[in-house]
Amino acid sequence: MLRQLRDSRARTRHVILLSDGNTAPVGVRPADPRVASVAALQESGDADAGPPASFEDMASLLRQARISVSTVAIGGDADLELLGNLARWTGGQAYVSRRDDEVPELFVRDVTRLTGGSLLERPFRPVVREADAATAGLDFSRAPPLLGYALARAKRHARVLLDARPGHPLLVTHRYGLGTATAFLSDAHARWSAEWLDWPGYGRFWAQVMRAAAPSWEDGRRRLSVWREGRDAVVRLDSLDARGAFSNAEHPSVSMSGGGREPRQVALVQNGPGRYEARVALEPSAIPYRFALSGTGEGIAKHDAVRSVFYPRADEDEGLAADRPMLEGIARHAGGAPSAPSAEVLASCRSDRRTAVELWPACSALALGLYLLEIGLRRFGGAERASRRGGGRHG
C-alpha cells in the first residue's frame, strides 16, 4: 500500500484506518510457521521487505511520503492511545465510533475536513461567462444575490454559462449524444435563492434554462447526433431545407478529434430522406471523442454542431493475473502444495468452530409437555387415591 500511494500522482494522499488498534507490536513475530514462511520469502526475495521496527517508524515513512492517516476506533476495548498517536504522527485525525451506524458519518466528516467542504455559503451575484439562450435578456448585475452554492469543477468540454466567482462555475451545460445535461450549483428554494424567489427574472431564467436543455428544432433545420454502438461511433445528420422538406444530395462531413488521435475528416453518406450517417471505429480512451460538423453554415446553431461520445477504458473491470511465484513460494516454505484441490484444502480445516443454535423452542416444548403431564398425573392419580380411600371405608 505504501508503495502504491507513494507512486501516486494524486494531490492528496490520505488513508482512513478502521480498527480497534489491538495488534501485535511492530517488529514482534509470533511463533507461527506461516510468519516464518513469510520471513523466508523475504530473505529469498519472493516478498517485499519486512515492516519497520515500530509504529512510530512506520508513521515516519508515511509522513515522508506525504501520506496522512486518520483513524476510526471501533469496539469497546480499542487501543485509543495507539490510534490517536498514528493520526497525530501523520497529520490525520482520530475518531471514536460508539455505534456501527456512526462509521459512514465519520468517514464523510474526515473527507470534508480534508477537502475543505463542498458548500460555500456566502452572498454573491452570478456573472455571465458565455452568452447563451438560457441567460439571454437577463441582467444578473441587478438581480438579488444568491446566498450559497456547491463547489464543483466543469468537465473539459462543458460550457460554463454563469460563474459564481472566478473559477467557480454556477450554471454549466454539456451536450451528450441527443441530450443536454445542465447543472445549476445553487438551489431553487428558500435556502440560497430566498431573495431570487421575488425577482421578476426568476421565472424567465428557469423557463429559458429548461427550454435550452430540451431537444428541439427551434435553433435550425439541421440536427447532429452521435452515439456509440459496441466499438463504433454512429454519426447522424438530419437536414431540412428552408421550406421544411427533407434536404437531399448534400455532402456533409464532421471533424473527429479526441481519443488520443489526430483530428480527421469523416464524410457522411446519405441513407434516407434528409438523413446522412457514418460509422467510425473507436479505441478505448479516457479522453472523449468530439465530432464537429464541418462548414456549419445556415440552419444549425453553433452549439448544436458539436457532439461528443465516450468510450472509456474500464480499468476496474480488467482482471489481474495471480502472482503464482509468490503463492508457490508460500506453499513450498509452509510445507503445503500449490493449486491443491478443494477436497484437500477442506480436509485440513478444523471442525471445532462454534455455531449458535436456538434451544428455546425445544426447551419450551419440553416444559409444556412436562406441565401437561404433571396436570394429568395429579388429576388421574388423585381420583384413583380417592376411590381407594372410599373403597376402604365401605369395607
Protein backbone atom coordinates (compact mmCIF):
# COMPACT_ATOMS: atom_id res chain seq x y z
CA MET A 1 0.00 0.00 0.00
CA LEU A 2 2.79 2.42 0.90
CA ARG A 3 4.48 1.90 -2.46
CA GLN A 4 1.24 2.44 -4.39
CA LEU A 5 0.38 5.63 -2.52
CA ARG A 6 3.94 6.92 -2.73
CA ASP A 7 3.97 6.48 -6.51
CA SER A 8 0.51 8.00 -6.95
CA ARG A 9 0.22 11.36 -8.71
CA ALA A 10 -2.79 12.39 -6.61
CA ARG A 11 -2.51 15.78 -4.96
CA THR A 12 -3.89 14.38 -1.70
CA ARG A 13 -2.72 11.04 -0.30
CA HIS A 14 -4.81 10.00 2.64
CA VAL A 15 -5.74 6.77 4.43
CA ILE A 16 -8.68 6.16 6.78
CA LEU A 17 -7.86 3.27 9.13
CA LEU A 18 -10.85 1.45 10.67
CA SER A 19 -9.52 -0.70 13.51
CA ASP A 20 -9.59 -1.47 17.22
CA GLY A 21 -5.82 -0.99 17.40
CA ASN A 22 -5.28 -4.29 19.19
CA THR A 23 -2.44 -5.92 17.29
CA ALA A 24 0.99 -7.35 17.91
CA PRO A 25 3.63 -4.61 18.20
CA VAL A 26 5.52 -3.94 15.01
CA GLY A 27 8.71 -5.98 14.89
CA VAL A 28 7.35 -8.73 17.16
CA ARG A 29 6.99 -12.02 15.27
CA PRO A 30 4.89 -14.69 17.00
CA ALA A 31 5.95 -18.31 16.86
CA ASP A 32 3.86 -19.20 13.83
CA PRO A 33 5.15 -21.28 10.91
CA ARG A 34 3.27 -19.03 8.49
CA VAL A 35 5.17 -15.99 9.77
CA ALA A 36 8.40 -17.93 9.42
CA SER A 37 7.41 -18.76 5.85
CA VAL A 38 6.89 -15.11 5.01
CA ALA A 39 10.25 -14.28 6.60
CA ALA A 40 11.91 -16.94 4.47
CA LEU A 41 10.26 -15.49 1.39
CA GLN A 42 11.52 -12.04 2.28
CA GLU A 43 15.05 -13.36 2.62
CA SER A 44 14.83 -15.15 -0.75
CA GLY A 45 13.42 -12.05 -2.47
CA ASP A 46 9.99 -13.55 -3.22
CA ALA A 47 8.23 -10.98 -0.99
CA ASP A 48 8.67 -7.34 -0.04
CA ALA A 49 10.98 -6.23 2.73
CA GLY A 50 9.81 -6.61 6.31
CA PRO A 51 7.91 -3.99 8.29
CA PRO A 52 9.57 -1.10 10.12
CA ALA A 53 10.79 -1.54 13.67
CA SER A 54 7.94 0.38 15.37
CA PHE A 55 4.65 2.07 14.67
CA GLU A 56 6.34 5.45 15.00
CA ASP A 57 8.89 4.45 12.35
CA MET A 58 6.04 3.36 10.09
CA ALA A 59 4.31 6.70 10.64
CA SER A 60 7.58 8.46 9.82
CA LEU A 61 7.73 6.65 6.46
CA LEU A 62 4.15 7.70 5.72
CA ARG A 63 4.89 11.28 6.70
CA GLN A 64 7.97 11.38 4.46
CA ALA A 65 5.80 10.16 1.57
CA ARG A 66 3.27 12.94 2.37
CA ILE A 67 0.61 10.39 3.29
CA SER A 68 -1.72 11.25 6.17
CA VAL A 69 -3.69 8.71 8.18
CA SER A 70 -6.95 9.24 10.05
CA THR A 71 -8.10 6.52 12.44
CA VAL A 72 -11.60 5.40 13.41
CA ALA A 73 -11.59 3.36 16.62
CA ILE A 74 -14.20 0.60 16.90
CA GLY A 75 -15.03 -1.74 19.77
CA GLY A 76 -15.20 -1.20 23.49
CA ASP A 77 -11.59 -2.26 24.10
CA ALA A 78 -9.98 -0.23 21.30
CA ASP A 79 -6.42 1.00 21.84
CA LEU A 80 -7.25 4.71 21.70
CA GLU A 81 -3.69 5.74 22.56
CA LEU A 82 -2.13 3.88 19.62
CA LEU A 83 -4.78 5.01 17.13
CA GLY A 84 -4.52 8.59 18.35
CA ASN A 85 -0.74 8.53 18.00
CA LEU A 86 -0.91 7.16 14.45
CA ALA A 87 -3.21 10.01 13.44
CA ARG A 88 -1.11 12.62 15.24
CA TRP A 89 2.22 11.37 13.85
CA THR A 90 0.97 11.51 10.25
CA GLY A 91 -1.11 14.69 10.44
CA GLY A 92 -4.50 12.98 10.39
CA GLN A 93 -7.46 12.99 12.77
CA ALA A 94 -8.53 10.39 15.34
CA TYR A 95 -12.20 9.44 15.71
CA VAL A 96 -14.06 7.07 18.04
CA SER A 97 -17.13 5.17 16.81
CA ARG A 98 -19.54 4.18 19.58
CA ARG A 99 -22.04 2.57 17.20
CA ASP A 100 -21.77 0.92 13.79
CA ASP A 101 -24.03 3.49 12.13
CA GLU A 102 -21.60 6.27 13.09
CA VAL A 103 -18.83 4.93 10.83
CA PRO A 104 -20.12 6.35 7.49
CA GLU A 105 -20.71 9.74 9.11
CA LEU A 106 -17.15 9.80 10.46
CA PHE A 107 -15.76 8.92 7.02
CA VAL A 108 -17.70 11.80 5.45
CA ARG A 109 -16.60 14.17 8.22
CA ASP A 110 -12.95 13.30 7.68
CA VAL A 111 -13.14 13.73 3.90
CA THR A 112 -14.92 17.06 4.37
CA ARG A 113 -12.21 18.16 6.80
CA LEU A 114 -9.54 17.17 4.29
CA THR A 115 -11.09 18.79 1.23
CA GLY A 116 -12.37 21.89 2.99
CA GLY A 117 -16.05 21.14 2.38
CA SER A 118 -18.13 21.26 -0.77
CA LEU A 119 -20.55 24.08 0.10
CA LEU A 120 -19.81 27.80 0.20
CA GLU A 121 -22.50 29.88 1.88
CA ARG A 122 -21.70 33.50 1.05
CA PRO A 123 -23.82 36.09 -0.82
CA PHE A 124 -22.86 36.64 -4.48
CA ARG A 125 -24.29 37.71 -7.82
CA PRO A 126 -23.86 35.49 -10.88
CA VAL A 127 -21.57 36.69 -13.65
CA VAL A 128 -22.19 35.78 -17.30
CA ARG A 129 -19.21 33.89 -18.69
CA GLU A 130 -20.62 32.77 -22.06
CA ALA A 131 -23.68 34.09 -23.88
CA ASP A 132 -26.43 31.53 -24.38
CA ALA A 133 -30.17 31.28 -24.90
CA ALA A 134 -30.51 30.15 -21.28
CA THR A 135 -29.32 33.53 -19.97
CA ALA A 136 -30.38 35.86 -22.81
CA GLY A 137 -32.11 39.10 -21.78
CA LEU A 138 -31.34 38.74 -18.05
CA ASP A 139 -29.34 41.36 -16.17
CA PHE A 140 -27.75 39.45 -13.31
CA SER A 141 -25.98 42.57 -12.01
CA ARG A 142 -29.40 43.91 -10.97
CA ALA A 143 -30.64 40.56 -9.64
CA PRO A 144 -30.76 39.88 -5.89
CA PRO A 145 -27.78 37.93 -4.55
CA LEU A 146 -27.78 34.19 -4.11
CA LEU A 147 -26.70 33.04 -0.66
CA GLY A 148 -24.57 29.99 -1.47
CA TYR A 149 -23.55 27.30 -3.93
CA ALA A 150 -21.85 23.93 -4.21
CA LEU A 151 -18.20 23.78 -5.23
CA ALA A 152 -17.56 21.81 -8.41
CA ARG A 153 -15.32 21.71 -11.47
CA ALA A 154 -16.60 21.77 -15.03
CA LYS A 155 -15.67 18.94 -17.38
CA ARG A 156 -13.30 19.57 -20.24
CA HIS A 157 -15.88 20.04 -23.00
CA ALA A 158 -18.63 21.53 -20.83
CA ARG A 159 -19.80 25.10 -21.36
CA VAL A 160 -19.79 27.37 -18.30
CA LEU A 161 -22.58 29.90 -18.78
CA LEU A 162 -22.54 31.54 -15.33
CA ASP A 163 -19.81 31.92 -12.72
CA ALA A 164 -20.39 32.37 -9.01
CA ARG A 165 -16.82 33.63 -8.64
CA PRO A 166 -13.78 33.36 -10.90
CA GLY A 167 -13.05 29.65 -11.24
CA HIS A 168 -16.30 28.65 -9.51
CA PRO A 169 -18.93 27.61 -12.09
CA LEU A 170 -22.60 28.18 -11.31
CA LEU A 171 -24.51 27.21 -14.49
CA VAL A 172 -22.89 24.52 -16.64
CA THR A 173 -24.24 22.71 -19.69
CA HIS A 174 -22.84 19.73 -21.56
CA ARG A 175 -24.04 18.04 -24.75
CA TYR A 176 -24.02 14.24 -24.86
CA GLY A 177 -25.49 12.48 -27.87
CA LEU A 178 -29.06 13.67 -28.33
CA GLY A 179 -29.35 15.06 -24.81
CA THR A 180 -28.13 18.01 -22.79
CA ALA A 181 -27.08 17.90 -19.15
CA THR A 182 -27.42 21.17 -17.22
CA ALA A 183 -26.16 21.79 -13.69
CA PHE A 184 -27.15 24.79 -11.55
CA LEU A 185 -24.94 24.65 -8.47
CA SER A 186 -27.09 26.82 -6.21
CA ASP A 187 -30.69 25.88 -5.36
CA ALA A 188 -34.20 26.92 -6.36
CA HIS A 189 -35.68 27.08 -2.86
CA ALA A 190 -35.74 29.40 0.10
CA ARG A 191 -32.31 28.44 1.46
CA TRP A 192 -29.94 30.05 -1.06
CA SER A 193 -32.48 31.51 -3.51
CA ALA A 194 -34.69 33.16 -0.89
CA GLU A 195 -34.27 36.62 -2.45
CA TRP A 196 -34.47 35.26 -6.01
CA LEU A 197 -38.00 33.96 -5.46
CA ASP A 198 -39.36 37.55 -5.67
CA TRP A 199 -37.07 38.60 -8.55
CA PRO A 200 -39.04 39.24 -11.78
CA GLY A 201 -36.41 37.36 -13.78
CA TYR A 202 -36.67 34.20 -11.66
CA GLY A 203 -39.41 32.53 -13.70
CA ARG A 204 -37.90 33.64 -17.01
CA PHE A 205 -34.47 32.30 -16.04
CA TRP A 206 -35.74 28.80 -15.30
CA ALA A 207 -38.01 28.76 -18.36
CA GLN A 208 -35.04 29.59 -20.60
CA VAL A 209 -32.80 27.04 -18.89
CA MET A 210 -35.36 24.28 -19.39
CA ARG A 211 -36.05 25.33 -22.98
CA ALA A 212 -32.33 25.34 -23.81
CA ALA A 213 -31.88 21.85 -22.36
CA ALA A 214 -34.90 20.33 -24.13
CA PRO A 215 -34.29 18.79 -27.59
CA SER A 216 -35.94 20.80 -30.35
CA TRP A 217 -35.52 22.01 -33.92
CA GLU A 218 -36.10 25.64 -32.98
CA ASP A 219 -32.42 26.55 -33.37
CA GLY A 220 -32.22 25.43 -37.00
CA ARG A 221 -33.09 22.93 -39.68
CA ARG A 222 -30.20 20.51 -39.13
CA ARG A 223 -29.62 18.18 -36.20
CA LEU A 224 -26.35 16.36 -35.49
CA SER A 225 -26.38 13.33 -33.18
CA VAL A 226 -23.67 10.86 -32.15
CA TRP A 227 -23.89 7.67 -30.11
CA ARG A 228 -21.86 4.53 -29.55
CA GLU A 229 -22.74 1.02 -30.71
CA GLY A 230 -20.21 -1.51 -29.46
CA ARG A 231 -16.76 -0.35 -30.57
CA ASP A 232 -18.15 2.07 -33.18
CA ALA A 233 -19.46 5.62 -33.09
CA VAL A 234 -22.51 6.32 -35.23
CA VAL A 235 -22.73 9.90 -36.55
CA ARG A 236 -26.06 11.07 -37.95
CA LEU A 237 -27.15 14.36 -39.53
CA ASP A 238 -30.85 15.09 -40.15
CA SER A 239 -31.34 18.01 -42.53
CA LEU A 240 -34.33 20.05 -43.73
CA ASP A 241 -34.43 22.82 -46.30
CA ALA A 242 -35.87 26.31 -45.84
CA ARG A 243 -39.40 25.06 -46.63
CA GLY A 244 -39.18 22.25 -44.04
CA ALA A 245 -38.78 19.48 -46.62
CA PHE A 246 -36.00 16.88 -46.50
CA SER A 247 -32.72 18.22 -47.85
CA ASN A 248 -31.05 15.70 -50.15
CA ALA A 249 -27.91 15.47 -52.31
CA GLU A 250 -25.70 17.12 -49.68
CA HIS A 251 -22.09 16.16 -48.95
CA PRO A 252 -21.67 16.85 -45.22
CA SER A 253 -18.68 15.83 -43.12
CA VAL A 254 -17.59 16.04 -39.50
CA SER A 255 -14.22 16.71 -37.91
CA MET A 256 -13.37 13.93 -35.46
CA SER A 257 -10.90 14.61 -32.64
CA GLY A 258 -10.03 13.32 -29.18
CA GLY A 259 -9.35 9.80 -28.02
CA GLY A 260 -5.61 10.39 -28.33
CA ARG A 261 -5.82 10.66 -32.13
CA GLU A 262 -5.03 13.37 -34.63
CA PRO A 263 -8.11 15.24 -35.95
CA ARG A 264 -9.51 13.88 -39.22
CA GLN A 265 -12.47 14.40 -41.51
CA VAL A 266 -15.26 11.83 -41.73
CA ALA A 267 -17.68 12.00 -44.66
CA LEU A 268 -21.38 11.33 -44.03
CA VAL A 269 -23.26 9.23 -46.58
CA GLN A 270 -26.97 9.69 -47.29
CA ASN A 271 -29.02 6.64 -46.33
CA GLY A 272 -32.52 8.11 -46.25
CA PRO A 273 -34.57 11.25 -46.94
CA GLY A 274 -32.61 14.12 -45.43
CA ARG A 275 -30.51 11.72 -43.36
CA TYR A 276 -26.74 11.23 -43.55
CA GLU A 277 -24.71 8.78 -41.47
CA ALA A 278 -21.22 7.42 -40.91
CA ARG A 279 -19.83 4.69 -38.68
CA VAL A 280 -16.36 5.19 -37.17
CA ALA A 281 -14.29 2.63 -35.25
CA LEU A 282 -13.23 3.72 -31.75
CA GLU A 283 -10.43 2.70 -29.45
CA PRO A 284 -10.95 2.74 -25.66
CA SER A 285 -9.73 6.06 -24.28
CA ALA A 286 -10.23 8.19 -21.19
CA ILE A 287 -10.36 11.23 -23.49
CA PRO A 288 -13.82 11.78 -25.05
CA TYR A 289 -14.24 11.79 -28.81
CA ARG A 290 -15.51 15.06 -30.28
CA PHE A 291 -17.41 15.40 -33.56
CA ALA A 292 -17.87 18.87 -35.09
CA LEU A 293 -19.95 19.44 -38.21
CA SER A 294 -17.74 20.99 -40.88
CA GLY A 295 -18.97 24.01 -42.81
CA THR A 296 -21.81 24.72 -40.38
CA GLY A 297 -23.37 27.49 -42.48
CA GLU A 298 -27.09 28.17 -42.06
CA GLY A 299 -29.71 26.01 -40.49
CA ILE A 300 -27.90 24.89 -37.33
CA ALA A 301 -26.83 26.69 -34.17
CA LYS A 302 -23.14 26.73 -33.28
CA HIS A 303 -23.56 24.69 -30.09
CA ASP A 304 -25.71 22.12 -31.95
CA ALA A 305 -22.92 21.47 -34.46
CA VAL A 306 -20.70 19.71 -31.89
CA ARG A 307 -21.30 16.36 -30.21
CA SER A 308 -19.17 14.07 -28.08
CA VAL A 309 -19.12 10.38 -27.24
CA PHE A 310 -17.20 8.46 -24.58
CA TYR A 311 -15.60 5.05 -24.81
CA PRO A 312 -13.69 4.84 -21.50
CA ARG A 313 -11.16 2.24 -20.59
CA ALA A 314 -12.71 0.33 -17.67
CA ASP A 315 -9.55 -0.42 -15.69
CA GLU A 316 -11.58 -1.61 -12.69
CA ASP A 317 -13.10 -4.37 -14.85
CA GLU A 318 -9.79 -5.73 -16.06
CA GLY A 319 -8.76 -8.95 -14.34
CA LEU A 320 -5.40 -9.14 -12.61
CA ALA A 321 -3.30 -12.25 -13.08
CA ALA A 322 -2.47 -14.28 -9.98
CA ASP A 323 1.05 -13.93 -8.57
CA ARG A 324 1.86 -17.62 -8.96
CA PRO A 325 5.56 -17.39 -7.94
CA MET A 326 4.52 -15.79 -4.65
CA LEU A 327 1.80 -18.40 -3.99
CA GLU A 328 4.11 -21.29 -4.88
CA GLY A 329 6.81 -19.86 -2.63
CA ILE A 330 4.42 -19.63 0.33
CA ALA A 331 3.23 -23.20 -0.24
CA ARG A 332 6.80 -24.50 -0.56
CA HIS A 333 8.07 -22.84 2.62
CA ALA A 334 4.94 -23.76 4.61
CA GLY A 335 5.08 -27.41 3.63
CA GLY A 336 1.94 -27.32 1.50
CA ALA A 337 1.20 -27.80 -2.15
CA PRO A 338 0.36 -25.15 -4.76
CA SER A 339 -3.02 -25.35 -6.52
CA ALA A 340 -4.27 -28.03 -4.11
CA PRO A 341 -7.74 -29.44 -4.86
CA SER A 342 -10.60 -28.12 -2.77
CA ALA A 343 -11.18 -31.52 -1.09
CA GLU A 344 -7.63 -31.49 0.25
CA VAL A 345 -7.93 -27.92 1.48
CA LEU A 346 -11.24 -28.55 3.26
CA ALA A 347 -9.99 -31.80 4.81
CA SER A 348 -7.37 -29.87 6.78
CA CYS A 349 -9.90 -27.43 8.22
CA ARG A 350 -10.65 -27.77 11.89
CA SER A 351 -14.18 -28.74 12.85
CA ASP A 352 -14.15 -27.21 16.33
CA ARG A 353 -15.81 -23.97 15.31
CA ARG A 354 -18.71 -22.86 17.48
CA THR A 355 -22.18 -22.50 16.00
CA ALA A 356 -25.06 -20.75 17.73
CA VAL A 357 -28.20 -22.89 17.96
CA GLU A 358 -31.50 -21.64 19.41
CA LEU A 359 -32.60 -24.03 22.19
CA TRP A 360 -35.66 -22.19 23.46
CA PRO A 361 -38.16 -23.86 21.06
CA ALA A 362 -37.14 -27.34 22.24
CA CYS A 363 -36.99 -26.26 25.89
CA SER A 364 -40.41 -24.60 25.66
CA ALA A 365 -41.96 -27.69 24.10
CA LEU A 366 -40.38 -29.90 26.76
CA ALA A 367 -41.60 -27.64 29.59
CA LEU A 368 -45.12 -27.58 28.14
CA GLY A 369 -45.16 -31.37 27.85
CA LEU A 370 -43.97 -31.82 31.43
CA TYR A 371 -46.55 -29.31 32.64
CA LEU A 372 -49.40 -31.18 30.92
CA LEU A 373 -48.03 -34.48 32.20
CA GLU A 374 -47.98 -33.14 35.76
CA ILE A 375 -51.59 -31.95 35.48
CA GLY A 376 -52.67 -35.33 34.13
CA LEU A 377 -50.86 -37.23 36.87
CA ARG A 378 -52.40 -35.04 39.55
CA ARG A 379 -55.92 -35.42 38.19
CA PHE A 380 -55.93 -39.15 37.48
CA GLY A 381 -53.68 -40.01 40.40
CA GLY A 382 -55.88 -38.02 42.81
CA ALA A 383 -59.06 -39.69 41.53
CA GLU A 384 -57.52 -43.14 41.96
CA ARG A 385 -56.42 -42.38 45.53
CA ALA A 386 -59.89 -41.05 46.37
CA SER A 387 -61.54 -44.20 45.05
CA ARG A 388 -59.19 -46.33 47.09
CA ARG A 389 -59.99 -44.40 50.25
CA GLY A 390 -63.73 -44.72 49.56
CA GLY A 391 -63.45 -48.48 48.99
CA GLY A 392 -61.60 -48.92 52.27
CA ARG A 393 -64.34 -47.21 54.28
CA HIS A 394 -67.06 -49.37 52.74
CA GLY A 395 -65.18 -52.50 53.60
